[in-house]
PDB file of N, CA and C in Angstrom:
ATOM      1  N   UNK A   1       0.846  -1.172   0.000  1.00  0.00           N
ATOM      2  CA  UNK A   1       0.000   0.000   0.000  1.00  0.00           C
ATOM      3  C   UNK A   1       0.893   1.237   0.000  1.00  0.00           C
ATOM      4  N   UNK A   2       0.606   2.142  -0.910  1.00  0.00           N
ATOM      5  CA  UNK A   2       1.361   3.384  -1.026  1.00  0.00           C
ATOM      6  C   UNK A   2       0.405   4.567  -1.006  1.00  0.00           C
ATOM      7  N   UNK A   3       0.943   5.732  -0.668  1.00  0.00           N
ATOM      8  CA  UNK A   3       0.170   6.970  -0.640  1.00  0.00           C
ATOM      9  C   UNK A   3       0.800   7.989  -1.579  1.00  0.00           C
ATOM     10  N   UNK A   4      -0.063   8.741  -2.276  1.00  0.00           N
ATOM     11  CA  UNK A   4       0.393   9.840  -3.118  1.00  0.00           C
ATOM     12  C   UNK A   4      -0.527  11.020  -2.842  1.00  0.00           C
ATOM     13  N   UNK A   5       0.050  12.174  -2.533  1.00  0.00           N
ATOM     14  CA  UNK A   5      -0.726  13.376  -2.250  1.00  0.00           C
ATOM     15  C   UNK A   5      -0.687  14.295  -3.462  1.00  0.00           C
ATOM     16  N   UNK A   6      -1.865  14.616  -4.011  1.00  0.00           N
ATOM     17  CA  UNK A   6      -1.998  15.594  -5.090  1.00  0.00           C
ATOM     18  C   UNK A   6      -2.568  16.876  -4.497  1.00  0.00           C
ATOM     19  N   UNK A   7      -2.740  17.898  -5.318  1.00  0.00           N
ATOM     20  CA  UNK A   7      -3.305  19.157  -4.839  1.00  0.00           C
ATOM     21  C   UNK A   7      -4.734  18.988  -4.337  1.00  0.00           C
ATOM     22  N   UNK A   8      -5.544  18.213  -5.057  1.00  0.00           N
ATOM     23  CA  UNK A   8      -6.959  18.110  -4.733  1.00  0.00           C
ATOM     24  C   UNK A   8      -7.359  16.774  -4.123  1.00  0.00           C
ATOM     25  N   UNK A   9      -6.470  15.775  -4.143  1.00  0.00           N
ATOM     26  CA  UNK A   9      -6.865  14.463  -3.651  1.00  0.00           C
ATOM     27  C   UNK A   9      -5.674  13.704  -3.089  1.00  0.00           C
ATOM     28  N   UNK A  10      -6.005  12.582  -2.451  1.00  0.00           N
ATOM     29  CA  UNK A  10      -5.019  11.642  -1.942  1.00  0.00           C
ATOM     30  C   UNK A  10      -5.283  10.336  -2.669  1.00  0.00           C
ATOM     31  N   UNK A  11      -4.228   9.656  -3.097  1.00  0.00           N
ATOM     32  CA  UNK A  11      -4.392   8.380  -3.782  1.00  0.00           C
ATOM     33  C   UNK A  11      -3.706   7.295  -2.959  1.00  0.00           C
ATOM     34  N   UNK A  12      -4.484   6.279  -2.588  1.00  0.00           N
ATOM     35  CA  UNK A  12      -3.974   5.096  -1.911  1.00  0.00           C
ATOM     36  C   UNK A  12      -3.953   4.010  -2.983  1.00  0.00           C
ATOM     37  N   UNK A  13      -2.800   3.348  -3.185  1.00  0.00           N
ATOM     38  CA  UNK A  13      -2.728   2.403  -4.291  1.00  0.00           C
ATOM     39  C   UNK A  13      -1.831   1.214  -3.972  1.00  0.00           C
ATOM     40  N   UNK A  14      -2.046   0.151  -4.758  1.00  0.00           N
ATOM     41  CA  UNK A  14      -1.174  -1.017  -4.734  1.00  0.00           C
ATOM     42  C   UNK A  14      -0.905  -1.395  -6.185  1.00  0.00           C
ATOM     43  N   UNK A  15      -0.527  -2.646  -6.450  1.00  0.00           N
ATOM     44  CA  UNK A  15      -0.193  -3.052  -7.812  1.00  0.00           C
ATOM     45  C   UNK A  15      -1.396  -3.127  -8.740  1.00  0.00           C
ATOM     46  N   UNK A  16      -2.604  -3.305  -8.197  1.00  0.00           N
ATOM     47  CA  UNK A  16      -3.788  -3.535  -9.016  1.00  0.00           C
ATOM     48  C   UNK A  16      -4.804  -2.402  -8.975  1.00  0.00           C
ATOM     49  N   UNK A  17      -5.012  -1.789  -7.803  1.00  0.00           N
ATOM     50  CA  UNK A  17      -6.089  -0.820  -7.612  1.00  0.00           C
ATOM     51  C   UNK A  17      -5.575   0.517  -7.106  1.00  0.00           C
ATOM     52  N   UNK A  18      -6.409   1.549  -7.290  1.00  0.00           N
ATOM     53  CA  UNK A  18      -6.173   2.878  -6.730  1.00  0.00           C
ATOM     54  C   UNK A  18      -7.458   3.341  -6.056  1.00  0.00           C
ATOM     55  N   UNK A  19      -7.329   4.002  -4.918  1.00  0.00           N
ATOM     56  CA  UNK A  19      -8.466   4.628  -4.258  1.00  0.00           C
ATOM     57  C   UNK A  19      -8.170   6.129  -4.208  1.00  0.00           C
ATOM     58  N   UNK A  20      -9.034   6.915  -4.857  1.00  0.00           N
ATOM     59  CA  UNK A  20      -8.892   8.369  -4.866  1.00  0.00           C
ATOM     60  C   UNK A  20      -9.771   8.930  -3.751  1.00  0.00           C
ATOM     61  N   UNK A  21      -9.174   9.705  -2.872  1.00  0.00           N
ATOM     62  CA  UNK A  21      -9.876  10.305  -1.738  1.00  0.00           C
ATOM     63  C   UNK A  21      -9.922  11.808  -1.980  1.00  0.00           C
ATOM     64  N   UNK A  22     -11.136  12.345  -2.083  1.00  0.00           N
ATOM     65  CA  UNK A  22     -11.290  13.771  -2.368  1.00  0.00           C
ATOM     66  C   UNK A  22     -12.166  14.419  -1.304  1.00  0.00           C
ATOM     67  N   UNK A  23     -11.697  15.522  -0.751  1.00  0.00           N
ATOM     68  CA  UNK A  23     -12.451  16.246   0.269  1.00  0.00           C
ATOM     69  C   UNK A  23     -13.604  17.000  -0.379  1.00  0.00           C
ATOM     70  N   UNK A  24     -14.762  16.950   0.290  1.00  0.00           N
ATOM     71  CA  UNK A  24     -15.931  17.679  -0.191  1.00  0.00           C
ATOM     72  C   UNK A  24     -15.896  19.114   0.334  1.00  0.00           C
ATOM     73  N   UNK A  25     -16.562  20.011  -0.344  1.00  0.00           N
ATOM     74  CA  UNK A  25     -16.557  21.427   0.020  1.00  0.00           C
ATOM     75  C   UNK A  25     -17.201  21.658   1.382  1.00  0.00           C
ATOM     76  N   UNK A  26     -18.317  21.011   1.650  1.00  0.00           N
ATOM     77  CA  UNK A  26     -19.044  21.250   2.895  1.00  0.00           C
ATOM     78  C   UNK A  26     -18.809  20.175   3.946  1.00  0.00           C
ATOM     79  N   UNK A  27     -17.676  19.513   3.907  1.00  0.00           N
ATOM     80  CA  UNK A  27     -17.317  18.494   4.884  1.00  0.00           C
ATOM     81  C   UNK A  27     -17.541  17.089   4.368  1.00  0.00           C
ATOM     82  N   UNK A  28     -16.682  16.183   4.790  1.00  0.00           N
ATOM     83  CA  UNK A  28     -16.765  14.802   4.351  1.00  0.00           C
ATOM     84  C   UNK A  28     -15.813  14.523   3.200  1.00  0.00           C
ATOM     85  N   UNK A  29     -15.865  13.281   2.719  1.00  0.00           N
ATOM     86  CA  UNK A  29     -14.969  12.841   1.659  1.00  0.00           C
ATOM     87  C   UNK A  29     -15.718  11.955   0.671  1.00  0.00           C
ATOM     88  N   UNK A  30     -15.191  11.887  -0.549  1.00  0.00           N
ATOM     89  CA  UNK A  30     -15.643  10.930  -1.550  1.00  0.00           C
ATOM     90  C   UNK A  30     -14.475  10.014  -1.850  1.00  0.00           C
ATOM     91  N   UNK A  31     -14.729   8.697  -1.792  1.00  0.00           N
ATOM     92  CA  UNK A  31     -13.705   7.704  -2.090  1.00  0.00           C
ATOM     93  C   UNK A  31     -14.138   6.937  -3.326  1.00  0.00           C
ATOM     94  N   UNK A  32     -13.235   6.805  -4.290  1.00  0.00           N
ATOM     95  CA  UNK A  32     -13.530   6.073  -5.522  1.00  0.00           C
ATOM     96  C   UNK A  32     -12.406   5.081  -5.788  1.00  0.00           C
ATOM     97  N   UNK A  33     -12.801   3.825  -6.012  1.00  0.00           N
ATOM     98  CA  UNK A  33     -11.818   2.770  -6.274  1.00  0.00           C
ATOM     99  C   UNK A  33     -11.815   2.442  -7.762  1.00  0.00           C
ATOM    100  N   UNK A  34     -10.619   2.442  -8.351  1.00  0.00           N
ATOM    101  CA  UNK A  34     -10.433   2.189  -9.778  1.00  0.00           C
ATOM    102  C   UNK A  34      -9.450   1.045  -9.988  1.00  0.00           C
ATOM    103  N   UNK A  35      -9.542   0.410 -11.166  1.00  0.00           N
ATOM    104  CA  UNK A  35      -8.452  -0.441 -11.617  1.00  0.00           C
ATOM    105  C   UNK A  35      -7.291   0.481 -11.935  1.00  0.00           C
ATOM    106  N   UNK A  36      -6.094   0.092 -11.590  1.00  0.00           N
ATOM    107  CA  UNK A  36      -4.925   0.946 -11.794  1.00  0.00           C
ATOM    108  C   UNK A  36      -4.728   1.267 -13.272  1.00  0.00           C
ATOM    109  N   UNK A  37      -4.368   2.496 -13.562  1.00  0.00           N
ATOM    110  CA  UNK A  37      -4.114   3.007 -14.912  1.00  0.00           C
ATOM    111  C   UNK A  37      -5.348   3.000 -15.809  1.00  0.00           C
ATOM    112  N   UNK A  38      -6.536   3.034 -15.219  1.00  0.00           N
ATOM    113  CA  UNK A  38      -7.754   3.070 -16.020  1.00  0.00           C
ATOM    114  C   UNK A  38      -8.843   3.787 -15.226  1.00  0.00           C
ATOM    115  N   UNK A  39      -8.943   5.103 -15.347  1.00  0.00           N
ATOM    116  CA  UNK A  39      -9.911   5.852 -14.547  1.00  0.00           C
ATOM    117  C   UNK A  39     -11.349   5.610 -14.989  1.00  0.00           C
ATOM    118  N   UNK A  40     -11.541   4.894 -16.110  1.00  0.00           N
ATOM    119  CA  UNK A  40     -12.891   4.592 -16.559  1.00  0.00           C
ATOM    120  C   UNK A  40     -13.443   3.328 -15.920  1.00  0.00           C
ATOM    121  N   UNK A  41     -12.586   2.491 -15.362  1.00  0.00           N
ATOM    122  CA  UNK A  41     -13.014   1.247 -14.737  1.00  0.00           C
ATOM    123  C   UNK A  41     -13.192   1.449 -13.231  1.00  0.00           C
ATOM    124  N   UNK A  42     -14.240   2.180 -12.859  1.00  0.00           N
ATOM    125  CA  UNK A  42     -14.520   2.436 -11.453  1.00  0.00           C
ATOM    126  C   UNK A  42     -15.213   1.205 -10.863  1.00  0.00           C
ATOM    127  N   UNK A  43     -14.739   0.774  -9.715  1.00  0.00           N
ATOM    128  CA  UNK A  43     -15.279  -0.419  -9.080  1.00  0.00           C
ATOM    129  C   UNK A  43     -16.252  -0.093  -7.961  1.00  0.00           C
ATOM    130  N   UNK A  44     -15.953   0.959  -7.203  1.00  0.00           N
ATOM    131  CA  UNK A  44     -16.803   1.286  -6.062  1.00  0.00           C
ATOM    132  C   UNK A  44     -16.634   2.755  -5.700  1.00  0.00           C
ATOM    133  N   UNK A  45     -17.709   3.348  -5.215  1.00  0.00           N
ATOM    134  CA  UNK A  45     -17.694   4.729  -4.738  1.00  0.00           C
ATOM    135  C   UNK A  45     -18.321   4.770  -3.354  1.00  0.00           C
ATOM    136  N   UNK A  46     -17.718   5.552  -2.460  1.00  0.00           N
ATOM    137  CA  UNK A  46     -18.284   5.763  -1.126  1.00  0.00           C
ATOM    138  C   UNK A  46     -18.326   7.254  -0.844  1.00  0.00           C
ATOM    139  N   UNK A  47     -19.411   7.690  -0.265  1.00  0.00           N
ATOM    140  CA  UNK A  47     -19.574   9.082   0.149  1.00  0.00           C
ATOM    141  C   UNK A  47     -19.594   9.132   1.665  1.00  0.00           C
ATOM    142  N   UNK A  48     -18.665   9.870   2.245  1.00  0.00           N
ATOM    143  CA  UNK A  48     -18.642  10.097   3.685  1.00  0.00           C
ATOM    144  C   UNK A  48     -19.197  11.502   3.889  1.00  0.00           C
ATOM    145  N   UNK A  49     -20.336  11.615   4.549  1.00  0.00           N
ATOM    146  CA  UNK A  49     -21.010  12.902   4.662  1.00  0.00           C
ATOM    147  C   UNK A  49     -20.791  13.617   5.990  1.00  0.00           C
ATOM    148  N   UNK A  50     -20.010  13.015   6.863  1.00  0.00           N
ATOM    149  CA  UNK A  50     -19.671  13.685   8.123  1.00  0.00           C
ATOM    150  C   UNK A  50     -18.234  14.181   8.022  1.00  0.00           C
ATOM    151  N   UNK A  51     -17.927  15.189   8.786  1.00  0.00           N
ATOM    152  CA  UNK A  51     -16.600  15.782   8.739  1.00  0.00           C
ATOM    153  C   UNK A  51     -15.638  14.941   9.586  1.00  0.00           C
ATOM    154  N   UNK A  52     -14.837  14.094   8.921  1.00  0.00           N
ATOM    155  CA  UNK A  52     -13.855  13.260   9.606  1.00  0.00           C
ATOM    156  C   UNK A  52     -12.464  13.799   9.304  1.00  0.00           C
ATOM    157  N   UNK A  53     -11.483  13.303  10.018  1.00  0.00           N
ATOM    158  CA  UNK A  53     -10.115  13.771   9.803  1.00  0.00           C
ATOM    159  C   UNK A  53      -9.531  13.128   8.541  1.00  0.00           C
ATOM    160  N   UNK A  54      -8.473  13.722   8.040  1.00  0.00           N
ATOM    161  CA  UNK A  54      -7.795  13.195   6.861  1.00  0.00           C
ATOM    162  C   UNK A  54      -7.240  11.797   7.150  1.00  0.00           C
ATOM    163  N   UNK A  55      -6.747  11.573   8.352  1.00  0.00           N
ATOM    164  CA  UNK A  55      -6.214  10.267   8.732  1.00  0.00           C
ATOM    165  C   UNK A  55      -7.297   9.189   8.705  1.00  0.00           C
ATOM    166  N   UNK A  56      -8.513   9.550   9.172  1.00  0.00           N
ATOM    167  CA  UNK A  56      -9.628   8.607   9.126  1.00  0.00           C
ATOM    168  C   UNK A  56     -10.020   8.307   7.684  1.00  0.00           C
ATOM    169  N   UNK A  57      -9.998   9.302   6.831  1.00  0.00           N
ATOM    170  CA  UNK A  57     -10.319   9.106   5.409  1.00  0.00           C
ATOM    171  C   UNK A  57      -9.290   8.178   4.760  1.00  0.00           C
ATOM    172  N   UNK A  58      -8.026   8.344   5.113  1.00  0.00           N
ATOM    173  CA  UNK A  58      -6.982   7.471   4.570  1.00  0.00           C
ATOM    174  C   UNK A  58      -7.185   6.037   5.061  1.00  0.00           C
ATOM    175  N   UNK A  59      -7.554   5.854   6.313  1.00  0.00           N
ATOM    176  CA  UNK A  59      -7.830   4.511   6.840  1.00  0.00           C
ATOM    177  C   UNK A  59      -8.997   3.865   6.096  1.00  0.00           C
ATOM    178  N   UNK A  60     -10.045   4.636   5.811  1.00  0.00           N
ATOM    179  CA  UNK A  60     -11.171   4.118   5.028  1.00  0.00           C
ATOM    180  C   UNK A  60     -10.716   3.763   3.611  1.00  0.00           C
ATOM    181  N   UNK A  61      -9.823   4.548   3.054  1.00  0.00           N
ATOM    182  CA  UNK A  61      -9.270   4.260   1.729  1.00  0.00           C
ATOM    183  C   UNK A  61      -8.477   2.961   1.732  1.00  0.00           C
ATOM    184  N   UNK A  62      -7.724   2.716   2.802  1.00  0.00           N
ATOM    185  CA  UNK A  62      -6.965   1.463   2.929  1.00  0.00           C
ATOM    186  C   UNK A  62      -7.912   0.266   3.012  1.00  0.00           C
ATOM    187  N   UNK A  63      -9.004   0.426   3.757  1.00  0.00           N
ATOM    188  CA  UNK A  63      -9.997  -0.647   3.852  1.00  0.00           C
ATOM    189  C   UNK A  63     -10.607  -0.938   2.489  1.00  0.00           C
ATOM    190  N   UNK A  64     -10.950   0.112   1.765  1.00  0.00           N
ATOM    191  CA  UNK A  64     -11.539  -0.046   0.441  1.00  0.00           C
ATOM    192  C   UNK A  64     -10.539  -0.684  -0.522  1.00  0.00           C
ATOM    193  N   UNK A  65      -9.274  -0.315  -0.407  1.00  0.00           N
ATOM    194  CA  UNK A  65      -8.222  -0.877  -1.253  1.00  0.00           C
ATOM    195  C   UNK A  65      -8.084  -2.378  -1.020  1.00  0.00           C
ATOM    196  N   UNK A  66      -8.222  -2.809   0.226  1.00  0.00           N
ATOM    197  CA  UNK A  66      -8.062  -4.211   0.565  1.00  0.00           C
ATOM    198  C   UNK A  66      -9.253  -5.089   0.238  1.00  0.00           C
ATOM    199  N   UNK A  67     -10.375  -4.480  -0.131  1.00  0.00           N
ATOM    200  CA  UNK A  67     -11.575  -5.255  -0.435  1.00  0.00           C
ATOM    201  C   UNK A  67     -11.352  -6.106  -1.679  1.00  0.00           C
ATOM    202  N   UNK A  68     -11.778  -7.378  -1.609  1.00  0.00           N
ATOM    203  CA  UNK A  68     -11.581  -8.322  -2.708  1.00  0.00           C
ATOM    204  C   UNK A  68     -12.889  -8.470  -3.480  1.00  0.00           C
ATOM    205  N   UNK A  69     -12.798  -8.415  -4.797  1.00  0.00           N
ATOM    206  CA  UNK A  69     -13.953  -8.590  -5.669  1.00  0.00           C
ATOM    207  C   UNK A  69     -13.812  -9.915  -6.405  1.00  0.00           C
ATOM    208  N   UNK A  70     -14.888 -10.658  -6.444  1.00  0.00           N
ATOM    209  CA  UNK A  70     -14.874 -11.930  -7.159  1.00  0.00           C
ATOM    210  C   UNK A  70     -15.689 -11.774  -8.434  1.00  0.00           C
ATOM    211  N   UNK A  71     -15.049 -12.089  -9.535  1.00  0.00           N
ATOM    212  CA  UNK A  71     -15.683 -11.926 -10.833  1.00  0.00           C
ATOM    213  C   UNK A  71     -15.270 -13.087 -11.734  1.00  0.00           C
ATOM    214  N   UNK A  72     -16.115 -13.433 -12.677  1.00  0.00           N
ATOM    215  CA  UNK A  72     -15.802 -14.521 -13.606  1.00  0.00           C
ATOM    216  C   UNK A  72     -14.586 -14.196 -14.463  1.00  0.00           C
ATOM    217  N   UNK A  73     -14.499 -12.977 -14.928  1.00  0.00           N
ATOM    218  CA  UNK A  73     -13.393 -12.618 -15.828  1.00  0.00           C
ATOM    219  C   UNK A  73     -12.351 -11.717 -15.164  1.00  0.00           C
ATOM    220  N   UNK A  74     -12.405 -11.558 -13.875  1.00  0.00           N
ATOM    221  CA  UNK A  74     -11.437 -10.743 -13.120  1.00  0.00           C
ATOM    222  C   UNK A  74     -11.303  -9.329 -13.663  1.00  0.00           C
ATOM    223  N   UNK A  75     -12.397  -8.765 -14.168  1.00  0.00           N
ATOM    224  CA  UNK A  75     -12.452  -7.398 -14.666  1.00  0.00           C
ATOM    225  C   UNK A  75     -11.570  -7.154 -15.886  1.00  0.00           C
ATOM    226  N   UNK A  76     -11.207  -8.196 -16.623  1.00  0.00           N
ATOM    227  CA  UNK A  76     -10.363  -7.994 -17.803  1.00  0.00           C
ATOM    228  C   UNK A  76     -11.089  -7.187 -18.873  1.00  0.00           C
ATOM    229  N   UNK A  77     -12.355  -7.463 -19.076  1.00  0.00           N
ATOM    230  CA  UNK A  77     -13.142  -6.732 -20.072  1.00  0.00           C
ATOM    231  C   UNK A  77     -14.282  -5.998 -19.382  1.00  0.00           C
ATOM    232  N   UNK A  78     -13.969  -5.334 -18.310  1.00  0.00           N
ATOM    233  CA  UNK A  78     -14.974  -4.660 -17.507  1.00  0.00           C
ATOM    234  C   UNK A  78     -15.469  -3.405 -18.221  1.00  0.00           C
ATOM    235  N   UNK A  79     -16.774  -3.321 -18.433  1.00  0.00           N
ATOM    236  CA  UNK A  79     -17.373  -2.146 -19.053  1.00  0.00           C
ATOM    237  C   UNK A  79     -18.585  -1.764 -18.204  1.00  0.00           C
ATOM    238  N   UNK A  80     -18.494  -0.676 -17.413  1.00  0.00           N
ATOM    239  CA  UNK A  80     -19.593  -0.334 -16.507  1.00  0.00           C
ATOM    240  C   UNK A  80     -20.887   0.042 -17.211  1.00  0.00           C
ATOM    241  N   UNK A  81     -20.835   0.408 -18.480  1.00  0.00           N
ATOM    242  CA  UNK A  81     -22.049   0.771 -19.199  1.00  0.00           C
ATOM    243  C   UNK A  81     -22.881  -0.471 -19.490  1.00  0.00           C
ATOM    244  N   UNK A  82     -22.213  -1.594 -19.728  1.00  0.00           N
ATOM    245  CA  UNK A  82     -22.908  -2.836 -20.044  1.00  0.00           C
ATOM    246  C   UNK A  82     -23.512  -3.482 -18.806  1.00  0.00           C
ATOM    247  N   UNK A  83     -22.864  -3.368 -17.662  1.00  0.00           N
ATOM    248  CA  UNK A  83     -23.312  -4.053 -16.452  1.00  0.00           C
ATOM    249  C   UNK A  83     -24.532  -3.447 -15.857  1.00  0.00           C
TER     250      UNK A  83
END
């Protein structure tokens, strides 16, 4: 698990997935999990609507990163429009 800090977001990533953590304007965070190197293959989104600390948001991102998905084709030809 690695961390990368950008101007507008934090990215928690490993060899396969990335979790983008973005702070909301009126408090809370949005977490989005993607297949690495493909921002169109979004796997999961979470909205945190309470004002939590950045450290708590990163911990939630780590939990989301560790989540295992079981699929017949392991997301090789994943197209969210078709599903």
